């Protein structure tokens, strides 16, 4: 599980993480989230993967907001 903050950025890459994308993510103190593959085939496409990641970020931020009250 990754701890998400309001200042986190999401970089969604669908066809392999290039050196430029890795460098950009590192400059933002980014965290790598990977989705498993079965038989070297992507389990989910980029849109679905991004939706899952964004849902989890939103869930964590809502949880933190209610804990701060």
PDB file of N, CA and C in Angstrom:
ATOM      1  N   UNK A   1       0.846  -1.184   0.000  1.00  0.00           N
ATOM      2  CA  UNK A   1       0.000   0.000   0.000  1.00  0.00           C
ATOM      3  C   UNK A   1       0.881   1.231   0.000  1.00  0.00           C
ATOM      4  N   UNK A   2       0.477   2.229  -0.720  1.00  0.00           N
ATOM      5  CA  UNK A   2       1.216   3.475  -0.805  1.00  0.00           C
ATOM      6  C   UNK A   2       0.430   4.558  -0.100  1.00  0.00           C
ATOM      7  N   UNK A   3       1.124   5.339   0.714  1.00  0.00           N
ATOM      8  CA  UNK A   3       0.503   6.442   1.437  1.00  0.00           C
ATOM      9  C   UNK A   3       0.425   7.643   0.505  1.00  0.00           C
ATOM     10  N   UNK A   4      -0.771   8.126   0.230  1.00  0.00           N
ATOM     11  CA  UNK A   4      -0.971   9.235  -0.704  1.00  0.00           C
ATOM     12  C   UNK A   4      -1.167  10.545   0.050  1.00  0.00           C
ATOM     13  N   UNK A   5      -0.671  11.617  -0.551  1.00  0.00           N
ATOM     14  CA  UNK A   5      -0.809  12.960   0.009  1.00  0.00           C
ATOM     15  C   UNK A   5      -1.439  13.877  -1.021  1.00  0.00           C
ATOM     16  N   UNK A   6      -1.917  15.029  -0.568  1.00  0.00           N
ATOM     17  CA  UNK A   6      -2.544  15.980  -1.481  1.00  0.00           C
ATOM     18  C   UNK A   6      -1.581  16.488  -2.542  1.00  0.00           C
ATOM     19  N   UNK A   7      -0.283  16.497  -2.248  1.00  0.00           N
ATOM     20  CA  UNK A   7       0.683  17.035  -3.198  1.00  0.00           C
ATOM     21  C   UNK A   7       1.207  15.984  -4.172  1.00  0.00           C
ATOM     22  N   UNK A   8       0.730  14.746  -4.076  1.00  0.00           N
ATOM     23  CA  UNK A   8       1.194  13.698  -4.977  1.00  0.00           C
ATOM     24  C   UNK A   8       0.686  13.932  -6.390  1.00  0.00           C
ATOM     25  N   UNK A   9       1.494  13.519  -7.356  1.00  0.00           N
ATOM     26  CA  UNK A   9       1.110  13.582  -8.764  1.00  0.00           C
ATOM     27  C   UNK A   9       1.004  12.163  -9.296  1.00  0.00           C
ATOM     28  N   UNK A  10       0.154  11.983 -10.284  1.00  0.00           N
ATOM     29  CA  UNK A  10      -0.012  10.668 -10.895  1.00  0.00           C
ATOM     30  C   UNK A  10       0.475  10.755 -12.330  1.00  0.00           C
ATOM     31  N   UNK A  11       1.403   9.889 -12.681  1.00  0.00           N
ATOM     32  CA  UNK A  11       1.903   9.785 -14.048  1.00  0.00           C
ATOM     33  C   UNK A  11       1.469   8.425 -14.564  1.00  0.00           C
ATOM     34  N   UNK A  12       0.563   8.417 -15.505  1.00  0.00           N
ATOM     35  CA  UNK A  12       0.018   7.169 -16.031  1.00  0.00           C
ATOM     36  C   UNK A  12       0.728   6.838 -17.340  1.00  0.00           C
ATOM     37  N   UNK A  13       1.382   5.696 -17.378  1.00  0.00           N
ATOM     38  CA  UNK A  13       2.132   5.264 -18.560  1.00  0.00           C
ATOM     39  C   UNK A  13       1.537   3.951 -19.036  1.00  0.00           C
ATOM     40  N   UNK A  14       1.186   3.888 -20.316  1.00  0.00           N
ATOM     41  CA  UNK A  14       0.516   2.689 -20.806  1.00  0.00           C
ATOM     42  C   UNK A  14       1.405   1.786 -21.650  1.00  0.00           C
ATOM     43  N   UNK A  15       2.507   2.294 -22.145  1.00  0.00           N
ATOM     44  CA  UNK A  15       3.294   1.452 -23.058  1.00  0.00           C
ATOM     45  C   UNK A  15       4.751   1.350 -22.625  1.00  0.00           C
ATOM     46  N   UNK A  16       4.990   1.278 -21.349  1.00  0.00           N
ATOM     47  CA  UNK A  16       6.355   1.132 -20.843  1.00  0.00           C
ATOM     48  C   UNK A  16       6.883   2.434 -20.285  1.00  0.00           C
ATOM     49  N   UNK A  17       7.598   2.326 -19.198  1.00  0.00           N
ATOM     50  CA  UNK A  17       8.124   3.495 -18.508  1.00  0.00           C
ATOM     51  C   UNK A  17       9.460   3.880 -19.126  1.00  0.00           C
ATOM     52  N   UNK A  18       9.495   5.003 -19.829  1.00  0.00           N
ATOM     53  CA  UNK A  18      10.729   5.461 -20.469  1.00  0.00           C
ATOM     54  C   UNK A  18      11.648   6.107 -19.445  1.00  0.00           C
ATOM     55  N   UNK A  19      12.900   6.308 -19.825  1.00  0.00           N
ATOM     56  CA  UNK A  19      13.868   6.956 -18.937  1.00  0.00           C
ATOM     57  C   UNK A  19      13.407   8.374 -18.603  1.00  0.00           C
ATOM     58  N   UNK A  20      12.837   9.093 -19.569  1.00  0.00           N
ATOM     59  CA  UNK A  20      12.342  10.451 -19.313  1.00  0.00           C
ATOM     60  C   UNK A  20      11.194  10.448 -18.315  1.00  0.00           C
ATOM     61  N   UNK A  21      10.296   9.481 -18.442  1.00  0.00           N
ATOM     62  CA  UNK A  21       9.171   9.388 -17.506  1.00  0.00           C
ATOM     63  C   UNK A  21       9.675   9.047 -16.111  1.00  0.00           C
ATOM     64  N   UNK A  22      10.646   8.141 -16.017  1.00  0.00           N
ATOM     65  CA  UNK A  22      11.219   7.795 -14.716  1.00  0.00           C
ATOM     66  C   UNK A  22      11.884   8.999 -14.078  1.00  0.00           C
ATOM     67  N   UNK A  23      12.623   9.767 -14.885  1.00  0.00           N
ATOM     68  CA  UNK A  23      13.312  10.955 -14.370  1.00  0.00           C
ATOM     69  C   UNK A  23      12.299  12.003 -13.906  1.00  0.00           C
ATOM     70  N   UNK A  24      11.229  12.196 -14.669  1.00  0.00           N
ATOM     71  CA  UNK A  24      10.193  13.149 -14.293  1.00  0.00           C
ATOM     72  C   UNK A  24       9.526  12.738 -12.985  1.00  0.00           C
ATOM     73  N   UNK A  25       9.177  11.461 -12.878  1.00  0.00           N
ATOM     74  CA  UNK A  25       8.541  10.961 -11.652  1.00  0.00           C
ATOM     75  C   UNK A  25       9.486  11.103 -10.462  1.00  0.00           C
ATOM     76  N   UNK A  26      10.756  10.813 -10.657  1.00  0.00           N
ATOM     77  CA  UNK A  26      11.737  10.937  -9.578  1.00  0.00           C
ATOM     78  C   UNK A  26      11.883  12.391  -9.138  1.00  0.00           C
ATOM     79  N   UNK A  27      11.776  13.323 -10.074  1.00  0.00           N
ATOM     80  CA  UNK A  27      11.900  14.739  -9.724  1.00  0.00           C
ATOM     81  C   UNK A  27      10.741  15.203  -8.841  1.00  0.00           C
ATOM     82  N   UNK A  28       9.620  14.474  -8.889  1.00  0.00           N
ATOM     83  CA  UNK A  28       8.453  14.786  -8.060  1.00  0.00           C
ATOM     84  C   UNK A  28       8.380  13.885  -6.830  1.00  0.00           C
ATOM     85  N   UNK A  29       9.480  13.169  -6.551  1.00  0.00           N
ATOM     86  CA  UNK A  29       9.502  12.167  -5.476  1.00  0.00           C
ATOM     87  C   UNK A  29       8.398  11.138  -5.679  1.00  0.00           C
ATOM     88  N   UNK A  30       8.206  10.752  -6.921  1.00  0.00           N
ATOM     89  CA  UNK A  30       7.132   9.833  -7.290  1.00  0.00           C
ATOM     90  C   UNK A  30       7.327   8.431  -6.764  1.00  0.00           C
ATOM     91  N   UNK A  31       6.237   7.736  -6.711  1.00  0.00           N
ATOM     92  CA  UNK A  31       6.215   6.341  -6.285  1.00  0.00           C
ATOM     93  C   UNK A  31       5.747   5.499  -7.457  1.00  0.00           C
ATOM     94  N   UNK A  32       6.348   4.349  -7.654  1.00  0.00           N
ATOM     95  CA  UNK A  32       5.969   3.473  -8.746  1.00  0.00           C
ATOM     96  C   UNK A  32       4.882   2.514  -8.264  1.00  0.00           C
ATOM     97  N   UNK A  33       3.791   2.506  -8.999  1.00  0.00           N
ATOM     98  CA  UNK A  33       2.705   1.565  -8.737  1.00  0.00           C
ATOM     99  C   UNK A  33       2.597   0.695  -9.976  1.00  0.00           C
ATOM    100  N   UNK A  34       2.655  -0.595  -9.797  1.00  0.00           N
ATOM    101  CA  UNK A  34       2.533  -1.472 -10.959  1.00  0.00           C
ATOM    102  C   UNK A  34       1.356  -2.409 -10.763  1.00  0.00           C
ATOM    103  N   UNK A  35       0.746  -2.756 -11.864  1.00  0.00           N
ATOM    104  CA  UNK A  35      -0.344  -3.707 -11.857  1.00  0.00           C
ATOM    105  C   UNK A  35       0.185  -5.009 -12.438  1.00  0.00           C
ATOM    106  N   UNK A  36      -0.179  -6.136 -11.868  1.00  0.00           N
ATOM    107  CA  UNK A  36       0.394  -7.412 -12.317  1.00  0.00           C
ATOM    108  C   UNK A  36      -0.022  -7.770 -13.739  1.00  0.00           C
ATOM    109  N   UNK A  37       0.825  -8.533 -14.382  1.00  0.00           N
ATOM    110  CA  UNK A  37       0.529  -9.044 -15.719  1.00  0.00           C
ATOM    111  C   UNK A  37       0.459 -10.564 -15.650  1.00  0.00           C
ATOM    112  N   UNK A  38      -0.354 -11.130 -16.499  1.00  0.00           N
ATOM    113  CA  UNK A  38      -0.478 -12.575 -16.581  1.00  0.00           C
ATOM    114  C   UNK A  38       0.042 -12.999 -17.956  1.00  0.00           C
ATOM    115  N   UNK A  39       1.007 -13.889 -17.968  1.00  0.00           N
ATOM    116  CA  UNK A  39       1.611 -14.345 -19.227  1.00  0.00           C
ATOM    117  C   UNK A  39       2.102 -13.172 -20.072  1.00  0.00           C
ATOM    118  N   UNK A  40       2.723 -12.183 -19.407  1.00  0.00           N
ATOM    119  CA  UNK A  40       3.274 -10.989 -20.078  1.00  0.00           C
ATOM    120  C   UNK A  40       2.217 -10.164 -20.786  1.00  0.00           C
ATOM    121  N   UNK A  41       0.968 -10.311 -20.410  1.00  0.00           N
ATOM    122  CA  UNK A  41      -0.104  -9.505 -20.990  1.00  0.00           C
ATOM    123  C   UNK A  41      -0.665  -8.615 -19.900  1.00  0.00           C
ATOM    124  N   UNK A  42      -0.937  -7.374 -20.263  1.00  0.00           N
ATOM    125  CA  UNK A  42      -1.504  -6.445 -19.297  1.00  0.00           C
ATOM    126  C   UNK A  42      -2.866  -6.939 -18.833  1.00  0.00           C
ATOM    127  N   UNK A  43      -3.087  -6.884 -17.527  1.00  0.00           N
ATOM    128  CA  UNK A  43      -4.361  -7.314 -16.972  1.00  0.00           C
ATOM    129  C   UNK A  43      -5.423  -6.242 -17.207  1.00  0.00           C
ATOM    130  N   UNK A  44      -5.028  -4.995 -17.068  1.00  0.00           N
ATOM    131  CA  UNK A  44      -5.971  -3.888 -17.251  1.00  0.00           C
ATOM    132  C   UNK A  44      -5.373  -2.879 -18.220  1.00  0.00           C
ATOM    133  N   UNK A  45      -6.195  -2.185 -18.967  1.00  0.00           N
ATOM    134  CA  UNK A  45      -5.665  -1.148 -19.831  1.00  0.00           C
ATOM    135  C   UNK A  45      -5.371   0.108 -19.013  1.00  0.00           C
ATOM    136  N   UNK A  46      -4.754   1.091 -19.622  1.00  0.00           N
ATOM    137  CA  UNK A  46      -4.313   2.287 -18.915  1.00  0.00           C
ATOM    138  C   UNK A  46      -5.472   3.046 -18.273  1.00  0.00           C
ATOM    139  N   UNK A  47      -6.599   3.124 -18.949  1.00  0.00           N
ATOM    140  CA  UNK A  47      -7.741   3.868 -18.395  1.00  0.00           C
ATOM    141  C   UNK A  47      -8.254   3.226 -17.115  1.00  0.00           C
ATOM    142  N   UNK A  48      -8.375   1.915 -17.121  1.00  0.00           N
ATOM    143  CA  UNK A  48      -8.866   1.210 -15.941  1.00  0.00           C
ATOM    144  C   UNK A  48      -7.826   1.281 -14.824  1.00  0.00           C
ATOM    145  N   UNK A  49      -6.563   1.066 -15.168  1.00  0.00           N
ATOM    146  CA  UNK A  49      -5.490   1.144 -14.168  1.00  0.00           C
ATOM    147  C   UNK A  49      -5.451   2.525 -13.516  1.00  0.00           C
ATOM    148  N   UNK A  50      -5.556   3.555 -14.328  1.00  0.00           N
ATOM    149  CA  UNK A  50      -5.567   4.921 -13.798  1.00  0.00           C
ATOM    150  C   UNK A  50      -6.763   5.177 -12.910  1.00  0.00           C
ATOM    151  N   UNK A  51      -7.910   4.650 -13.300  1.00  0.00           N
ATOM    152  CA  UNK A  51      -9.114   4.816 -12.486  1.00  0.00           C
ATOM    153  C   UNK A  51      -8.962   4.152 -11.124  1.00  0.00           C
ATOM    154  N   UNK A  52      -8.380   2.960 -11.111  1.00  0.00           N
ATOM    155  CA  UNK A  52      -8.160   2.258  -9.848  1.00  0.00           C
ATOM    156  C   UNK A  52      -7.205   3.060  -8.964  1.00  0.00           C
ATOM    157  N   UNK A  53      -6.108   3.543  -9.546  1.00  0.00           N
ATOM    158  CA  UNK A  53      -5.128   4.327  -8.778  1.00  0.00           C
ATOM    159  C   UNK A  53      -5.743   5.613  -8.243  1.00  0.00           C
ATOM    160  N   UNK A  54      -6.476   6.338  -9.076  1.00  0.00           N
ATOM    161  CA  UNK A  54      -7.093   7.591  -8.630  1.00  0.00           C
ATOM    162  C   UNK A  54      -8.165   7.352  -7.576  1.00  0.00           C
ATOM    163  N   UNK A  55      -8.929   6.269  -7.700  1.00  0.00           N
ATOM    164  CA  UNK A  55      -9.923   5.933  -6.689  1.00  0.00           C
ATOM    165  C   UNK A  55      -9.246   5.713  -5.341  1.00  0.00           C
ATOM    166  N   UNK A  56      -8.134   4.980  -5.330  1.00  0.00           N
ATOM    167  CA  UNK A  56      -7.425   4.703  -4.081  1.00  0.00           C
ATOM    168  C   UNK A  56      -6.846   5.981  -3.477  1.00  0.00           C
ATOM    169  N   UNK A  57      -6.319   6.862  -4.319  1.00  0.00           N
ATOM    170  CA  UNK A  57      -5.791   8.139  -3.818  1.00  0.00           C
ATOM    171  C   UNK A  57      -6.920   8.947  -3.184  1.00  0.00           C
ATOM    172  N   UNK A  58      -8.059   9.029  -3.873  1.00  0.00           N
ATOM    173  CA  UNK A  58      -9.204   9.782  -3.333  1.00  0.00           C
ATOM    174  C   UNK A  58      -9.699   9.163  -2.030  1.00  0.00           C
ATOM    175  N   UNK A  59      -9.730   7.831  -1.967  1.00  0.00           N
ATOM    176  CA  UNK A  59     -10.177   7.154  -0.752  1.00  0.00           C
ATOM    177  C   UNK A  59      -9.267   7.488   0.423  1.00  0.00           C
ATOM    178  N   UNK A  60      -7.967   7.446   0.186  1.00  0.00           N
ATOM    179  CA  UNK A  60      -7.021   7.755   1.258  1.00  0.00           C
ATOM    180  C   UNK A  60      -7.131   9.209   1.706  1.00  0.00           C
ATOM    181  N   UNK A  61      -7.299  10.123   0.766  1.00  0.00           N
ATOM    182  CA  UNK A  61      -7.418  11.540   1.126  1.00  0.00           C
ATOM    183  C   UNK A  61      -8.701  11.800   1.921  1.00  0.00           C
ATOM    184  N   UNK A  62      -9.805  11.138   1.542  1.00  0.00           N
ATOM    185  CA  UNK A  62     -11.053  11.287   2.305  1.00  0.00           C
ATOM    186  C   UNK A  62     -10.879  10.736   3.712  1.00  0.00           C
ATOM    187  N   UNK A  63     -10.212   9.613   3.846  1.00  0.00           N
ATOM    188  CA  UNK A  63      -9.975   9.006   5.142  1.00  0.00           C
ATOM    189  C   UNK A  63      -9.128   9.922   6.030  1.00  0.00           C
ATOM    190  N   UNK A  64      -8.085  10.497   5.454  1.00  0.00           N
ATOM    191  CA  UNK A  64      -7.232  11.419   6.219  1.00  0.00           C
ATOM    192  C   UNK A  64      -8.014  12.645   6.660  1.00  0.00           C
ATOM    193  N   UNK A  65      -8.895  13.141   5.789  1.00  0.00           N
ATOM    194  CA  UNK A  65      -9.678  14.326   6.120  1.00  0.00           C
ATOM    195  C   UNK A  65     -10.619  14.045   7.289  1.00  0.00           C
ATOM    196  N   UNK A  66     -11.214  12.869   7.332  1.00  0.00           N
ATOM    197  CA  UNK A  66     -12.135  12.556   8.436  1.00  0.00           C
ATOM    198  C   UNK A  66     -11.357  12.290   9.725  1.00  0.00           C
ATOM    199  N   UNK A  67     -10.139  11.805   9.634  1.00  0.00           N
ATOM    200  CA  UNK A  67      -9.325  11.565  10.843  1.00  0.00           C
ATOM    201  C   UNK A  67      -8.852  12.866  11.460  1.00  0.00           C
ATOM    202  N   UNK A  68      -8.690  13.923  10.638  1.00  0.00           N
ATOM    203  CA  UNK A  68      -8.204  15.210  11.114  1.00  0.00           C
ATOM    204  C   UNK A  68      -9.294  16.003  11.834  1.00  0.00           C
ATOM    205  N   UNK A  69     -10.547  15.648  11.619  1.00  0.00           N
ATOM    206  CA  UNK A  69     -11.668  16.400  12.220  1.00  0.00           C
ATOM    207  C   UNK A  69     -11.809  16.126  13.704  1.00  0.00           C
TER     208      UNK A  69
END
